[in-house]
Amino acid sequence: MEKNSIKQLLMASNFYILNKHLVKTLGIETAFFLTALVEADEILADKNGWFYQTIPQIEKMTGLTKHKQTNCINELLILGILLQENKGMPMKRYFKLDYEKIAKLLSSHKKDNSQEDREGDSKEEKNQSAREGDILHQESKKIDSKEERDLTAREEKNCHLGGEKIDTNKELYINNLDKKLKTTKLDNIIGIESKSSSSSSFENSSSGEKDSVYQIKSALENYGLGVETCRNIMELVKNGRVNFERINSVLGVAKEKAWGEGAIYKALRDNWEIRERDEKVFSEKELRKKLSSKVNILLDDYEKGRTNYEAMVEEYLEFSLNPIFSENLKVEYYEKMRKASEEITSKIA
């Protein structure tokens, strides 16, 4: 490879540099998306800070699909970092970044890190105790495992003797079985608990507390959150800042609004006020009327040259993302719009 080619390959302009604080707070995809917008802002923004970017262009820059872009945009809009407006003829989607809020986000993260540094020494001592506790716990598990094997052997033997002694150690067997059932996949991931907590503290918890922790871990596992986010949430649980009901409520809203992991954690940590909407139930006739009205408006703009085909389809897809519409209705009215637009094009030609 020629010298100039290698130089071009290694130049800074060929790489994205991600801020570690943003990645930890927002997640890698949202941080990457924001970084790409900052670059676009530098090149394309007008005097008021607004710039225009299409979904295909952002996907070309970042590799993020339309669905992932929508999730990133929603999270940044919720945090107030990103502003969005649809304007112009034909209608286009414009963005604007609020750098003051980005600075506050980074500043708050640095404060959190500073607090963690001050607590570092005491945490190290606790970690040492935790490691010692883990060793004892592992030894205890080995003993429990041997007891279970011995118990199984005794039960099999008692069955052959007529079954009179089957219930002798039934309570121990049920307790051990209950302990096995009340675990989740997260329990098998090293480090899912906070680094400052120990297994012995959980063993000393009441039955109700153990059930609550099991419910929380199951909810996090079923939602599909990453290990690091789960660990941070479990730290909030340990400190008494959130409980199962609050976590379940936030996860419900997050699923409805397509929040990213960063927004979910911040909603729990910062105690965002969350109001779950009372969803109105629409009849199929009402849903068809909504889609039909939107399609007619878009086709009218297309016919009169106020928008192009790509922008028309993009706006329809954004409108139809509303969960009140079924997939069948979305596809049906998309096909109607596509065929009508072809007829308009043939007339113009």
Protein backbone atom coordinates (compact mmCIF):
# COMPACT_ATOMS: atom_id res chain seq x y z
CA MET A 1 0.00 0.00 0.00
CA GLU A 2 1.30 3.48 -0.90
CA LYS A 3 2.39 5.97 1.73
CA ASN A 4 -0.40 8.45 0.90
CA SER A 5 -3.04 5.71 1.10
CA ILE A 6 -1.86 4.69 4.56
CA LYS A 7 -1.84 8.32 5.69
CA GLN A 8 -5.41 8.80 4.47
CA LEU A 9 -6.47 5.62 6.26
CA LEU A 10 -4.99 6.75 9.57
CA MET A 11 -6.08 10.40 9.50
CA ALA A 12 -8.31 11.53 12.37
CA SER A 13 -11.12 12.41 9.96
CA ASN A 14 -11.57 8.69 9.24
CA PHE A 15 -12.42 7.85 12.87
CA TYR A 16 -15.13 8.61 15.41
CA ILE A 17 -13.97 9.39 18.95
CA LEU A 18 -16.59 8.60 21.60
CA ASN A 19 -16.65 10.36 24.96
CA LYS A 20 -16.47 7.72 27.72
CA HIS A 21 -18.82 9.66 30.00
CA LEU A 22 -21.46 9.83 27.25
CA VAL A 23 -21.11 6.11 26.51
CA LYS A 24 -21.60 5.22 30.17
CA THR A 25 -24.59 7.55 30.55
CA LEU A 26 -26.38 7.07 27.23
CA GLY A 27 -25.16 3.69 25.99
CA ILE A 28 -22.81 3.19 23.05
CA GLU A 29 -25.38 3.49 20.24
CA THR A 30 -26.95 6.72 21.48
CA ALA A 31 -23.51 8.20 22.25
CA PHE A 32 -22.36 7.26 18.73
CA PHE A 33 -25.51 8.75 17.20
CA LEU A 34 -25.02 12.00 19.16
CA THR A 35 -21.38 12.19 18.04
CA ALA A 36 -22.47 11.87 14.41
CA LEU A 37 -25.00 14.69 14.92
CA VAL A 38 -22.29 16.91 16.44
CA GLU A 39 -20.19 16.37 13.31
CA ALA A 40 -23.19 17.20 11.09
CA ASP A 41 -23.91 20.28 13.21
CA GLU A 42 -20.35 21.51 12.67
CA ILE A 43 -20.70 21.24 8.88
CA LEU A 44 -24.39 21.84 8.10
CA ALA A 45 -25.94 24.01 10.85
CA ASP A 46 -27.41 27.42 9.95
CA LYS A 47 -26.87 30.56 12.05
CA ASN A 48 -29.57 29.42 14.50
CA GLY A 49 -28.03 25.97 14.94
CA TRP A 50 -30.57 23.98 12.87
CA PHE A 51 -29.35 21.34 10.42
CA TYR A 52 -31.03 18.78 8.13
CA GLN A 53 -30.21 15.08 8.04
CA THR A 54 -32.13 12.19 6.46
CA ILE A 55 -32.45 8.68 7.86
CA PRO A 56 -30.52 7.12 4.93
CA GLN A 57 -27.69 9.64 5.34
CA ILE A 58 -27.34 8.95 9.07
CA GLU A 59 -27.44 5.20 8.40
CA LYS A 60 -24.70 5.65 5.81
CA MET A 61 -22.59 7.57 8.34
CA THR A 62 -23.17 5.34 11.37
CA GLY A 63 -24.61 2.01 10.23
CA LEU A 64 -27.57 2.54 12.60
CA THR A 65 -30.88 1.33 11.17
CA LYS A 66 -34.05 3.46 11.10
CA HIS A 67 -35.40 1.66 14.19
CA LYS A 68 -32.20 2.26 16.17
CA GLN A 69 -32.08 5.89 15.02
CA THR A 70 -35.65 6.38 16.27
CA ASN A 71 -34.71 4.95 19.68
CA CYS A 72 -31.66 7.25 19.90
CA ILE A 73 -33.65 10.32 18.83
CA ASN A 74 -36.41 9.59 21.38
CA GLU A 75 -33.88 9.23 24.19
CA LEU A 76 -32.09 12.49 23.29
CA LEU A 77 -35.43 14.33 22.94
CA ILE A 78 -36.49 13.11 26.40
CA LEU A 79 -33.20 14.35 27.89
CA GLY A 80 -33.63 17.72 26.14
CA ILE A 81 -30.26 17.36 24.43
CA LEU A 82 -31.83 17.28 20.96
CA LEU A 83 -34.56 19.47 19.46
CA GLN A 84 -36.51 18.47 16.36
CA GLU A 85 -38.70 20.46 13.96
CA ASN A 86 -40.39 19.62 10.67
CA LYS A 87 -40.33 22.65 8.37
CA GLY A 88 -39.87 23.83 4.82
CA MET A 89 -41.50 22.90 1.51
CA PRO A 90 -41.22 20.03 0.91
CA MET A 91 -41.36 19.19 4.60
CA LYS A 92 -38.00 18.17 6.05
CA ARG A 93 -36.85 17.10 9.50
CA TYR A 94 -34.36 19.48 11.16
CA PHE A 95 -32.31 18.95 14.32
CA LYS A 96 -30.68 21.28 16.83
CA LEU A 97 -28.33 20.35 19.68
CA ASP A 98 -28.51 21.97 23.13
CA TYR A 99 -24.85 22.10 24.14
CA GLU A 100 -25.62 23.57 27.57
CA LYS A 101 -27.60 20.46 28.49
CA ILE A 102 -24.86 18.23 27.09
CA ALA A 103 -22.38 20.08 29.33
CA LYS A 104 -24.67 19.60 32.36
CA LEU A 105 -24.97 15.89 31.56
CA LEU A 106 -21.18 15.51 31.43
CA SER A 107 -20.77 17.65 34.56
CA SER A 108 -23.22 15.57 36.59
CA HIS A 109 -21.44 12.39 35.49
CA LYS A 110 -18.08 13.79 36.61
CA LYS A 111 -19.57 14.63 40.03
CA ASP A 112 -20.81 11.05 40.34
CA ASN A 113 -17.33 9.78 39.47
CA SER A 114 -15.76 12.14 42.03
CA GLN A 115 -18.08 10.80 44.71
CA GLU A 116 -17.15 7.25 43.71
CA ASP A 117 -13.45 8.12 44.02
CA ARG A 118 -13.97 9.45 47.56
CA GLU A 119 -15.67 6.22 48.52
CA GLY A 120 -13.00 4.11 46.82
CA ASP A 121 -10.98 3.22 49.92
CA SER A 122 -13.97 2.09 51.95
CA LYS A 123 -15.29 0.13 48.97
CA GLU A 124 -11.98 -1.69 48.63
CA GLU A 125 -12.27 -2.82 52.25
CA LYS A 126 -15.84 -3.96 51.63
CA ASN A 127 -14.77 -5.75 48.47
CA GLN A 128 -12.14 -7.65 50.43
CA SER A 129 -14.82 -8.73 52.90
CA ALA A 130 -17.09 -9.63 50.01
CA ARG A 131 -14.40 -11.79 48.41
CA GLU A 132 -13.85 -13.59 51.69
CA GLY A 133 -17.60 -14.01 52.03
CA ASP A 134 -17.80 -15.40 48.49
CA ILE A 135 -15.15 -18.00 49.30
CA LEU A 136 -17.11 -19.11 52.37
CA HIS A 137 -20.30 -19.09 50.31
CA GLN A 138 -18.72 -21.32 47.64
CA GLU A 139 -17.58 -23.76 50.32
CA SER A 140 -21.11 -23.70 51.75
CA LYS A 141 -22.54 -24.45 48.30
CA LYS A 142 -20.23 -27.47 47.99
CA ILE A 143 -21.52 -28.77 51.33
CA ASP A 144 -25.14 -28.11 50.30
CA SER A 145 -24.54 -29.96 47.03
CA LYS A 146 -23.12 -32.98 48.89
CA GLU A 147 -26.12 -32.92 51.27
CA GLU A 148 -28.51 -32.94 48.31
CA ARG A 149 -26.72 -35.91 46.70
CA ASP A 150 -26.77 -37.81 50.00
CA LEU A 151 -30.45 -36.92 50.45
CA THR A 152 -31.32 -38.15 46.96
CA ALA A 153 -29.52 -41.43 47.60
CA ARG A 154 -31.34 -41.87 50.92
CA GLU A 155 -34.71 -41.14 49.30
CA GLU A 156 -34.11 -43.68 46.55
CA LYS A 157 -33.14 -46.24 49.17
CA ASN A 158 -36.21 -45.44 51.28
CA CYS A 159 -38.47 -45.86 48.23
CA HIS A 160 -37.25 -49.43 47.88
CA LEU A 161 -37.88 -50.02 51.61
CA GLY A 162 -41.57 -49.15 51.33
CA GLY A 163 -41.51 -45.36 51.51
CA GLU A 164 -41.99 -45.00 55.28
CA LYS A 165 -38.95 -42.70 55.66
CA ILE A 166 -39.40 -40.61 52.52
CA ASP A 167 -40.55 -37.53 54.47
CA THR A 168 -37.71 -37.62 57.04
CA ASN A 169 -35.71 -34.85 55.35
CA LYS A 170 -38.53 -33.44 53.21
CA GLU A 171 -38.28 -29.95 54.70
CA LEU A 172 -34.56 -29.68 53.90
CA TYR A 173 -35.19 -30.96 50.37
CA ILE A 174 -38.00 -28.43 49.72
CA ASN A 175 -35.90 -25.56 51.08
CA ASN A 176 -33.01 -26.47 48.79
CA LEU A 177 -35.36 -26.85 45.82
CA ASP A 178 -36.94 -23.46 46.61
CA LYS A 179 -33.46 -21.90 46.68
CA LYS A 180 -32.76 -23.33 43.22
CA LEU A 181 -36.06 -22.10 41.78
CA LYS A 182 -35.64 -18.55 43.06
CA THR A 183 -32.70 -17.69 40.87
CA THR A 184 -32.50 -16.01 37.49
CA LYS A 185 -30.01 -16.06 34.63
CA LEU A 186 -28.62 -12.80 36.02
CA ASP A 187 -27.45 -14.66 39.13
CA ASN A 188 -25.08 -16.65 36.90
CA ILE A 189 -23.43 -13.53 35.45
CA ILE A 190 -20.30 -12.62 37.38
CA GLY A 191 -20.56 -9.17 38.91
CA ILE A 192 -24.29 -8.53 38.39
CA GLU A 193 -24.53 -7.42 42.00
CA SER A 194 -23.00 -4.11 43.05
CA LYS A 195 -19.28 -4.31 43.75
CA SER A 196 -19.93 -2.93 47.22
CA SER A 197 -22.41 -5.67 48.17
CA SER A 198 -21.68 -9.21 49.28
CA SER A 199 -23.45 -12.50 48.92
CA SER A 200 -23.64 -12.82 52.70
CA SER A 201 -25.85 -9.71 52.93
CA PHE A 202 -28.38 -11.39 50.64
CA GLU A 203 -28.25 -14.64 52.57
CA ASN A 204 -29.08 -12.69 55.76
CA SER A 205 -32.08 -10.95 54.12
CA SER A 206 -35.64 -11.80 55.09
CA SER A 207 -37.76 -14.06 52.88
CA GLY A 208 -39.78 -11.05 51.67
CA GLU A 209 -36.65 -9.13 50.69
CA LYS A 210 -35.32 -12.14 48.77
CA ASP A 211 -38.63 -12.45 46.90
CA SER A 212 -38.45 -8.75 45.99
CA VAL A 213 -34.88 -9.06 44.67
CA TYR A 214 -35.92 -12.12 42.67
CA GLN A 215 -38.85 -10.17 41.15
CA ILE A 216 -36.57 -7.25 40.24
CA LYS A 217 -33.93 -9.46 38.62
CA SER A 218 -36.60 -11.33 36.67
CA ALA A 219 -38.07 -8.04 35.41
CA LEU A 220 -34.64 -6.76 34.30
CA GLU A 221 -33.83 -10.09 32.65
CA ASN A 222 -37.15 -10.24 30.77
CA TYR A 223 -36.72 -6.67 29.50
CA GLY A 224 -33.27 -7.54 28.13
CA LEU A 225 -31.16 -4.83 29.79
CA GLY A 226 -27.36 -5.05 29.62
CA VAL A 227 -25.30 -6.33 32.54
CA GLU A 228 -23.80 -2.91 33.36
CA THR A 229 -27.24 -1.26 33.45
CA CYS A 230 -28.60 -4.10 35.62
CA ARG A 231 -25.67 -3.71 38.01
CA ASN A 232 -26.31 0.04 38.32
CA ILE A 233 -30.03 -0.53 38.96
CA MET A 234 -29.27 -3.18 41.60
CA GLU A 235 -27.07 -0.59 43.33
CA LEU A 236 -30.11 1.73 43.50
CA VAL A 237 -32.15 -1.17 44.93
CA LYS A 238 -29.46 -1.89 47.54
CA ASN A 239 -29.46 1.77 48.63
CA GLY A 240 -33.24 1.77 49.00
CA ARG A 241 -33.79 4.32 46.24
CA VAL A 242 -36.09 2.16 44.08
CA ASN A 243 -38.30 -0.89 44.58
CA PHE A 244 -39.94 -3.46 42.33
CA GLU A 245 -43.11 -1.41 41.76
CA ARG A 246 -41.12 1.65 40.63
CA ILE A 247 -38.86 -0.42 38.34
CA ASN A 248 -41.84 -2.22 36.81
CA SER A 249 -43.60 1.10 36.18
CA VAL A 250 -40.55 2.67 34.50
CA LEU A 251 -39.94 -0.41 32.33
CA GLY A 252 -43.57 -0.29 31.18
CA VAL A 253 -43.29 3.35 30.10
CA ALA A 254 -39.84 2.74 28.59
CA LYS A 255 -41.21 -0.03 26.39
CA GLU A 256 -44.12 2.15 25.26
CA LYS A 257 -41.88 5.13 24.45
CA ALA A 258 -38.90 3.11 23.12
CA TRP A 259 -36.42 4.49 25.69
CA GLY A 260 -32.79 3.42 25.62
CA GLU A 261 -30.98 1.96 28.65
CA GLY A 262 -29.50 5.33 29.57
CA ALA A 263 -32.94 6.93 29.86
CA ILE A 264 -34.27 3.99 31.90
CA TYR A 265 -31.43 4.26 34.41
CA LYS A 266 -31.74 8.07 34.67
CA ALA A 267 -35.52 7.79 35.17
CA LEU A 268 -34.88 5.49 38.15
CA ARG A 269 -31.85 7.35 39.53
CA ASP A 270 -33.29 10.86 39.18
CA ASN A 271 -36.86 9.86 40.06
CA TRP A 272 -38.47 11.19 36.89
CA GLU A 273 -42.18 11.89 37.17
CA ILE A 274 -43.83 9.27 35.01
CA ARG A 275 -47.47 9.23 34.11
CA GLU A 276 -48.69 6.22 32.25
CA ARG A 277 -51.27 7.35 29.73
CA ASP A 278 -54.80 6.06 29.82
CA GLU A 279 -54.83 4.55 26.37
CA LYS A 280 -57.97 5.31 24.40
CA VAL A 281 -59.30 2.30 22.54
CA PHE A 282 -60.01 3.14 18.90
CA SER A 283 -62.33 1.16 16.66
CA GLU A 284 -61.00 -0.16 13.36
CA LYS A 285 -63.14 2.43 11.57
CA GLU A 286 -61.48 5.26 13.52
CA LEU A 287 -58.00 3.86 12.86
CA ARG A 288 -58.71 3.58 9.14
CA LYS A 289 -59.96 7.15 9.12
CA LYS A 290 -56.74 8.38 10.73
CA LEU A 291 -54.50 6.55 8.26
CA SER A 292 -56.65 7.50 5.27
CA SER A 293 -56.59 11.18 6.25
CA LYS A 294 -52.80 11.17 6.65
CA VAL A 295 -52.27 9.40 3.31
CA ASN A 296 -54.54 11.88 1.50
CA ILE A 297 -52.63 14.85 2.93
CA LEU A 298 -49.30 13.33 1.91
CA LEU A 299 -50.52 12.52 -1.61
CA ASP A 300 -51.87 16.05 -2.03
CA ASP A 301 -48.47 17.50 -1.05
CA TYR A 302 -46.76 15.06 -3.42
CA GLU A 303 -49.04 15.91 -6.34
CA LYS A 304 -48.55 19.66 -5.84
CA GLY A 305 -44.77 19.34 -5.56
CA ARG A 306 -44.54 20.29 -1.89
CA THR A 307 -42.75 17.05 -1.04
CA ASN A 308 -40.89 14.25 -2.80
CA TYR A 309 -41.55 10.50 -2.70
CA GLU A 310 -38.80 9.71 -0.18
CA ALA A 311 -39.93 12.39 2.26
CA MET A 312 -43.57 11.32 1.84
CA VAL A 313 -42.78 7.69 2.69
CA GLU A 314 -40.58 8.73 5.62
CA GLU A 315 -43.34 10.90 7.10
CA TYR A 316 -45.91 8.11 6.67
CA LEU A 317 -43.64 5.59 8.40
CA GLU A 318 -43.06 7.95 11.33
CA PHE A 319 -46.82 8.57 11.65
CA SER A 320 -47.63 4.85 11.50
CA LEU A 321 -45.12 4.00 14.27
CA ASN A 322 -47.91 4.77 16.74
CA PRO A 323 -48.68 1.42 18.47
CA ILE A 324 -52.45 1.94 18.04
CA PHE A 325 -52.09 0.85 14.39
CA SER A 326 -51.83 -2.86 13.58
CA GLU A 327 -49.22 -4.11 11.12
CA ASN A 328 -51.92 -5.12 8.64
CA LEU A 329 -53.42 -1.62 8.57
CA LYS A 330 -50.00 0.00 8.21
CA VAL A 331 -49.13 -2.18 5.22
CA GLU A 332 -52.58 -1.79 3.64
CA TYR A 333 -52.48 2.01 3.62
CA TYR A 334 -48.83 2.10 2.63
CA GLU A 335 -49.70 0.06 -0.47
CA LYS A 336 -52.61 2.38 -1.25
CA MET A 337 -50.31 5.39 -0.96
CA ARG A 338 -47.65 3.76 -3.14
CA LYS A 339 -50.10 2.87 -5.94
CA ALA A 340 -51.71 6.32 -5.85
CA SER A 341 -48.29 7.99 -6.04
CA GLU A 342 -47.43 5.87 -9.12
CA GLU A 343 -50.63 7.08 -10.81
CA ILE A 344 -49.74 10.69 -9.98
CA THR A 345 -46.24 10.22 -11.38
CA SER A 346 -47.57 8.73 -14.63
CA LYS A 347 -49.98 11.67 -15.06
CA ILE A 348 -47.21 14.21 -14.53
CA ALA A 349 -44.94 12.37 -16.96
